[in-house]
Amino acid sequence: MKSLIVLALLIAAGVGAAFFFIGRTADKTTSTLLGFTDQAATAVAQANVSAALAAMQAYGAANGGYSSASVAGLAQFNAGLGPTISLHDLSTTSFCIESTVGTTSASATGPGGPIVDAPCP
């Protein structure tokens, strides 16, 4: 009889341990999947800035500078620019383009600046 009780306790402990480790694995999987969402948002924001940079360069060449640029004006050079694009610090000789996807931002100060994973300064 004692061995039956000991066996039942061992089985219960084993089942409890299994649920504990399965729960920990599920937490790791969830955080990993959420990380992929952030990576995807970063990639999309960077691609949006890259597309807008090309349009901004064309706009600047056609209009003698960047001070009058707008997202609608850039759409004349790239109709695929999305609503995540915003323009900041426009002057005749410089600009900053930003794209925010979810909570992730990417930007580039130009002309000639790299795309960075941060909003416009």
N, C-alpha and C. Protein backbone atom coordinates (compact mmCIF):
# COMPACT_ATOMS: atom_id res chain seq x y z
N MET A 1 0.82 -1.18 0.00
CA MET A 1 0.00 0.00 0.00
C MET A 1 0.87 1.26 0.00
N LYS A 2 1.95 1.26 0.82
CA LYS A 2 2.84 2.42 0.86
C LYS A 2 3.49 2.65 -0.50
N SER A 3 3.87 1.59 -1.19
CA SER A 3 4.51 1.76 -2.48
C SER A 3 3.54 2.32 -3.52
N LEU A 4 2.27 2.03 -3.39
CA LEU A 4 1.26 2.58 -4.29
C LEU A 4 1.12 4.09 -4.07
N ILE A 5 1.13 4.51 -2.83
CA ILE A 5 1.05 5.94 -2.50
C ILE A 5 2.30 6.67 -2.99
N VAL A 6 3.48 6.06 -2.77
CA VAL A 6 4.73 6.66 -3.24
C VAL A 6 4.71 6.77 -4.77
N LEU A 7 4.23 5.75 -5.45
CA LEU A 7 4.15 5.76 -6.90
C LEU A 7 3.21 6.87 -7.38
N ALA A 8 2.06 7.03 -6.71
CA ALA A 8 1.11 8.08 -7.08
C ALA A 8 1.72 9.46 -6.89
N LEU A 9 2.48 9.66 -5.80
CA LEU A 9 3.14 10.94 -5.55
C LEU A 9 4.21 11.23 -6.60
N LEU A 10 4.96 10.20 -6.98
CA LEU A 10 5.98 10.37 -8.01
C LEU A 10 5.36 10.73 -9.35
N ILE A 11 4.27 10.10 -9.68
CA ILE A 11 3.57 10.40 -10.93
C ILE A 11 3.05 11.84 -10.91
N ALA A 12 2.45 12.24 -9.77
CA ALA A 12 1.93 13.61 -9.65
C ALA A 12 3.06 14.64 -9.77
N ALA A 13 4.21 14.34 -9.14
CA ALA A 13 5.36 15.25 -9.23
C ALA A 13 5.87 15.32 -10.66
N GLY A 14 5.90 14.19 -11.35
CA GLY A 14 6.35 14.17 -12.74
C GLY A 14 5.43 14.96 -13.64
N VAL A 15 4.13 14.82 -13.45
CA VAL A 15 3.16 15.57 -14.25
C VAL A 15 3.29 17.07 -13.96
N GLY A 16 3.45 17.41 -12.69
CA GLY A 16 3.62 18.82 -12.32
C GLY A 16 4.87 19.42 -12.94
N ALA A 17 5.98 18.68 -12.91
CA ALA A 17 7.22 19.15 -13.51
C ALA A 17 7.06 19.31 -15.02
N ALA A 18 6.37 18.38 -15.65
CA ALA A 18 6.15 18.47 -17.10
C ALA A 18 5.37 19.74 -17.45
N PHE A 19 4.30 20.03 -16.70
CA PHE A 19 3.53 21.23 -16.97
C PHE A 19 4.37 22.49 -16.73
N PHE A 20 5.21 22.47 -15.72
CA PHE A 20 6.08 23.62 -15.44
C PHE A 20 7.00 23.89 -16.63
N PHE A 21 7.67 22.85 -17.13
CA PHE A 21 8.61 23.04 -18.23
C PHE A 21 7.90 23.36 -19.54
N ILE A 22 6.72 22.79 -19.76
CA ILE A 22 5.95 23.12 -20.96
C ILE A 22 5.53 24.59 -20.93
N GLY A 23 5.13 25.07 -19.76
CA GLY A 23 4.75 26.49 -19.62
C GLY A 23 5.92 27.41 -19.90
N ARG A 24 7.11 27.04 -19.41
CA ARG A 24 8.29 27.88 -19.65
C ARG A 24 8.63 27.91 -21.14
N THR A 25 8.51 26.77 -21.81
CA THR A 25 8.77 26.71 -23.24
C THR A 25 7.78 27.58 -24.01
N ALA A 26 6.52 27.56 -23.60
CA ALA A 26 5.50 28.38 -24.26
C ALA A 26 5.83 29.86 -24.09
N ASP A 27 6.29 30.28 -22.90
CA ASP A 27 6.67 31.68 -22.70
C ASP A 27 7.81 32.07 -23.62
N LYS A 28 8.82 31.20 -23.76
CA LYS A 28 9.95 31.49 -24.64
C LYS A 28 9.49 31.60 -26.09
N THR A 29 8.59 30.71 -26.50
CA THR A 29 8.09 30.72 -27.87
C THR A 29 7.32 32.01 -28.14
N THR A 30 6.48 32.42 -27.19
CA THR A 30 5.70 33.64 -27.35
C THR A 30 6.61 34.85 -27.47
N SER A 31 7.62 34.96 -26.60
CA SER A 31 8.51 36.12 -26.69
C SER A 31 9.33 36.10 -27.97
N THR A 32 9.68 34.92 -28.46
CA THR A 32 10.40 34.81 -29.72
C THR A 32 9.52 35.27 -30.87
N LEU A 33 8.27 34.84 -30.89
CA LEU A 33 7.35 35.25 -31.95
C LEU A 33 7.10 36.74 -31.92
N LEU A 34 6.98 37.33 -30.73
CA LEU A 34 6.79 38.78 -30.64
C LEU A 34 8.03 39.51 -31.14
N GLY A 35 9.21 38.93 -30.93
CA GLY A 35 10.44 39.52 -31.44
C GLY A 35 10.45 39.55 -32.96
N PHE A 36 9.89 38.53 -33.60
CA PHE A 36 9.81 38.51 -35.06
C PHE A 36 8.93 39.65 -35.56
N THR A 37 7.87 39.97 -34.83
CA THR A 37 7.00 41.08 -35.21
C THR A 37 7.78 42.39 -35.20
N ASP A 38 8.59 42.59 -34.16
CA ASP A 38 9.41 43.81 -34.09
C ASP A 38 10.42 43.86 -35.23
N GLN A 39 11.03 42.73 -35.54
CA GLN A 39 11.99 42.68 -36.64
C GLN A 39 11.31 43.00 -37.96
N ALA A 40 10.12 42.49 -38.15
CA ALA A 40 9.38 42.75 -39.39
C ALA A 40 9.02 44.23 -39.49
N ALA A 41 8.58 44.85 -38.40
CA ALA A 41 8.24 46.27 -38.41
C ALA A 41 9.47 47.11 -38.72
N THR A 42 10.62 46.74 -38.17
CA THR A 42 11.86 47.46 -38.45
C THR A 42 12.22 47.36 -39.92
N ALA A 43 12.11 46.16 -40.48
CA ALA A 43 12.43 45.97 -41.90
C ALA A 43 11.50 46.77 -42.80
N VAL A 44 10.22 46.80 -42.47
CA VAL A 44 9.25 47.56 -43.28
C VAL A 44 9.54 49.05 -43.18
N ALA A 45 9.81 49.54 -41.97
CA ALA A 45 10.11 50.97 -41.80
C ALA A 45 11.36 51.36 -42.58
N GLN A 46 12.39 50.52 -42.53
CA GLN A 46 13.62 50.81 -43.28
C GLN A 46 13.36 50.82 -44.79
N ALA A 47 12.57 49.86 -45.27
CA ALA A 47 12.24 49.81 -46.71
C ALA A 47 11.43 51.04 -47.13
N ASN A 48 10.52 51.48 -46.27
CA ASN A 48 9.74 52.68 -46.58
C ASN A 48 10.63 53.91 -46.70
N VAL A 49 11.59 54.05 -45.77
CA VAL A 49 12.51 55.19 -45.82
C VAL A 49 13.37 55.11 -47.07
N SER A 50 13.83 53.91 -47.40
CA SER A 50 14.66 53.75 -48.60
C SER A 50 13.90 54.18 -49.85
N ALA A 51 12.65 53.78 -49.97
CA ALA A 51 11.84 54.17 -51.14
C ALA A 51 11.61 55.68 -51.16
N ALA A 52 11.37 56.25 -49.99
CA ALA A 52 11.13 57.70 -49.92
C ALA A 52 12.40 58.49 -50.21
N LEU A 53 13.56 57.95 -49.85
CA LEU A 53 14.82 58.63 -50.14
C LEU A 53 15.02 58.83 -51.64
N ALA A 54 14.76 57.78 -52.40
CA ALA A 54 14.89 57.89 -53.86
C ALA A 54 13.93 58.94 -54.42
N ALA A 55 12.71 58.94 -53.92
CA ALA A 55 11.73 59.93 -54.38
C ALA A 55 12.15 61.34 -53.97
N MET A 56 12.71 61.48 -52.77
CA MET A 56 13.15 62.79 -52.29
C MET A 56 14.30 63.33 -53.12
N GLN A 57 15.23 62.46 -53.50
CA GLN A 57 16.34 62.90 -54.35
C GLN A 57 15.82 63.40 -55.70
N ALA A 58 14.87 62.66 -56.28
CA ALA A 58 14.28 63.08 -57.54
C ALA A 58 13.52 64.39 -57.37
N TYR A 59 12.79 64.52 -56.27
CA TYR A 59 12.04 65.75 -56.00
C TYR A 59 12.99 66.94 -55.88
N GLY A 60 14.07 66.77 -55.13
CA GLY A 60 15.04 67.84 -54.94
C GLY A 60 15.67 68.28 -56.25
N ALA A 61 15.97 67.32 -57.11
CA ALA A 61 16.57 67.65 -58.41
C ALA A 61 15.56 68.40 -59.29
N ALA A 62 14.31 68.02 -59.24
CA ALA A 62 13.29 68.64 -60.08
C ALA A 62 12.84 70.01 -59.56
N ASN A 63 12.98 70.24 -58.25
CA ASN A 63 12.45 71.47 -57.66
C ASN A 63 13.52 72.38 -57.06
N GLY A 64 14.77 72.08 -57.28
CA GLY A 64 15.84 72.94 -56.79
C GLY A 64 16.03 72.92 -55.28
N GLY A 65 15.62 71.87 -54.63
CA GLY A 65 15.78 71.76 -53.18
C GLY A 65 14.65 70.97 -52.56
N TYR A 66 14.66 70.94 -51.24
CA TYR A 66 13.74 70.08 -50.50
C TYR A 66 12.73 70.85 -49.65
N SER A 67 12.85 72.17 -49.56
CA SER A 67 12.05 72.94 -48.60
C SER A 67 10.55 72.86 -48.84
N SER A 68 10.13 72.67 -50.07
CA SER A 68 8.69 72.61 -50.36
C SER A 68 8.17 71.18 -50.50
N ALA A 69 8.99 70.20 -50.14
CA ALA A 69 8.60 68.79 -50.31
C ALA A 69 7.45 68.42 -49.39
N SER A 70 6.64 67.53 -49.89
CA SER A 70 5.54 66.95 -49.10
C SER A 70 5.43 65.48 -49.49
N VAL A 71 4.73 64.72 -48.68
CA VAL A 71 4.54 63.30 -49.01
C VAL A 71 3.76 63.19 -50.32
N ALA A 72 2.78 64.06 -50.51
CA ALA A 72 2.02 64.06 -51.77
C ALA A 72 2.93 64.41 -52.95
N GLY A 73 3.86 65.34 -52.75
CA GLY A 73 4.81 65.69 -53.81
C GLY A 73 5.74 64.53 -54.13
N LEU A 74 6.16 63.80 -53.11
CA LEU A 74 7.02 62.63 -53.35
C LEU A 74 6.26 61.52 -54.07
N ALA A 75 4.96 61.46 -53.86
CA ALA A 75 4.14 60.43 -54.51
C ALA A 75 4.14 60.60 -56.03
N GLN A 76 4.46 61.79 -56.52
CA GLN A 76 4.57 61.98 -57.97
C GLN A 76 5.75 61.19 -58.53
N PHE A 77 6.76 60.94 -57.68
CA PHE A 77 7.94 60.20 -58.11
C PHE A 77 7.88 58.74 -57.70
N ASN A 78 7.09 58.42 -56.68
CA ASN A 78 6.91 57.04 -56.23
C ASN A 78 5.51 56.93 -55.65
N ALA A 79 4.60 56.43 -56.46
CA ALA A 79 3.20 56.34 -56.03
C ALA A 79 2.99 55.32 -54.93
N GLY A 80 3.98 54.47 -54.67
CA GLY A 80 3.84 53.42 -53.66
C GLY A 80 4.17 53.87 -52.24
N LEU A 81 4.49 55.13 -52.04
CA LEU A 81 4.82 55.58 -50.68
C LEU A 81 3.58 55.48 -49.80
N GLY A 82 3.75 54.90 -48.64
CA GLY A 82 2.61 54.67 -47.76
C GLY A 82 2.39 55.78 -46.75
N PRO A 83 1.37 55.61 -45.94
CA PRO A 83 1.00 56.62 -44.95
C PRO A 83 1.95 56.66 -43.74
N THR A 84 2.92 55.78 -43.70
CA THR A 84 3.85 55.77 -42.56
C THR A 84 4.98 56.78 -42.72
N ILE A 85 5.08 57.41 -43.89
CA ILE A 85 6.17 58.36 -44.18
C ILE A 85 5.82 59.75 -43.65
N SER A 86 6.79 60.38 -43.01
CA SER A 86 6.65 61.79 -42.62
C SER A 86 7.97 62.50 -42.90
N LEU A 87 7.88 63.80 -43.17
CA LEU A 87 9.05 64.61 -43.51
C LEU A 87 9.29 65.63 -42.40
N HIS A 88 10.57 65.83 -42.06
CA HIS A 88 10.93 66.74 -40.97
C HIS A 88 12.13 67.58 -41.37
N ASP A 89 12.26 68.74 -40.74
CA ASP A 89 13.44 69.61 -40.89
C ASP A 89 13.78 69.88 -42.35
N LEU A 90 12.78 70.25 -43.13
CA LEU A 90 13.01 70.51 -44.55
C LEU A 90 13.67 71.87 -44.76
N SER A 91 14.68 71.89 -45.59
CA SER A 91 15.31 73.14 -46.01
C SER A 91 15.70 72.97 -47.48
N THR A 92 16.28 73.97 -48.05
CA THR A 92 16.69 73.88 -49.45
C THR A 92 17.73 72.78 -49.65
N THR A 93 18.58 72.59 -48.65
CA THR A 93 19.70 71.67 -48.83
C THR A 93 19.63 70.40 -47.98
N SER A 94 18.64 70.25 -47.11
CA SER A 94 18.61 69.07 -46.25
C SER A 94 17.18 68.68 -45.87
N PHE A 95 17.06 67.49 -45.32
CA PHE A 95 15.75 66.95 -44.95
C PHE A 95 15.95 65.77 -44.00
N CYS A 96 14.85 65.34 -43.40
CA CYS A 96 14.83 64.08 -42.66
C CYS A 96 13.53 63.37 -43.02
N ILE A 97 13.66 62.10 -43.39
CA ILE A 97 12.51 61.26 -43.73
C ILE A 97 12.36 60.23 -42.63
N GLU A 98 11.13 60.03 -42.17
CA GLU A 98 10.86 59.08 -41.10
C GLU A 98 9.70 58.17 -41.48
N SER A 99 9.79 56.91 -41.08
CA SER A 99 8.68 55.97 -41.23
C SER A 99 8.47 55.28 -39.89
N THR A 100 7.23 55.29 -39.43
CA THR A 100 6.90 54.61 -38.18
C THR A 100 5.89 53.52 -38.48
N VAL A 101 6.26 52.30 -38.13
CA VAL A 101 5.40 51.13 -38.31
C VAL A 101 5.16 50.55 -36.93
N GLY A 102 3.92 50.63 -36.47
CA GLY A 102 3.64 50.21 -35.10
C GLY A 102 4.35 51.15 -34.14
N THR A 103 5.22 50.59 -33.34
CA THR A 103 5.99 51.40 -32.39
C THR A 103 7.45 51.55 -32.83
N THR A 104 7.76 51.11 -34.05
CA THR A 104 9.14 51.11 -34.54
C THR A 104 9.33 52.21 -35.57
N SER A 105 10.41 52.97 -35.44
CA SER A 105 10.70 54.04 -36.39
C SER A 105 12.05 53.83 -37.05
N ALA A 106 12.15 54.28 -38.28
CA ALA A 106 13.42 54.35 -39.01
C ALA A 106 13.44 55.71 -39.68
N SER A 107 14.64 56.25 -39.88
CA SER A 107 14.74 57.55 -40.50
C SER A 107 16.07 57.71 -41.23
N ALA A 108 16.15 58.74 -42.02
CA ALA A 108 17.39 59.09 -42.71
C ALA A 108 17.42 60.60 -42.87
N THR A 109 18.56 61.18 -42.56
CA THR A 109 18.79 62.60 -42.77
C THR A 109 19.60 62.74 -44.04
N GLY A 110 19.19 63.65 -44.88
CA GLY A 110 19.88 63.71 -46.16
C GLY A 110 20.15 65.11 -46.62
N PRO A 111 20.80 65.14 -47.75
CA PRO A 111 21.11 63.98 -48.58
C PRO A 111 22.34 63.22 -48.08
N GLY A 112 22.34 61.94 -48.32
CA GLY A 112 23.51 61.12 -48.07
C GLY A 112 23.59 60.44 -46.72
N GLY A 113 22.65 60.67 -45.85
CA GLY A 113 22.71 60.04 -44.52
C GLY A 113 22.25 58.59 -44.56
N PRO A 114 22.73 57.78 -43.61
CA PRO A 114 22.32 56.38 -43.57
C PRO A 114 20.92 56.24 -42.96
N ILE A 115 20.30 55.12 -43.21
CA ILE A 115 19.01 54.80 -42.58
C ILE A 115 19.33 54.25 -41.20
N VAL A 116 18.71 54.85 -40.18
CA VAL A 116 18.92 54.42 -38.80
C VAL A 116 17.60 53.99 -38.18
N ASP A 117 17.69 53.14 -37.17
CA ASP A 117 16.50 52.64 -36.47
C ASP A 117 16.13 53.58 -35.34
N ALA A 118 15.74 54.79 -35.69
CA ALA A 118 15.35 55.80 -34.71
C ALA A 118 14.55 56.88 -35.44
N PRO A 119 13.73 57.63 -34.71
CA PRO A 119 13.02 58.74 -35.36
C PRO A 119 13.98 59.85 -35.76
N CYS A 120 13.48 60.79 -36.55
CA CYS A 120 14.30 61.94 -36.94
C CYS A 120 14.78 62.67 -35.68
N PRO A 121 16.02 63.15 -35.74
CA PRO A 121 16.53 63.86 -34.55
C PRO A 121 15.82 65.19 -34.32
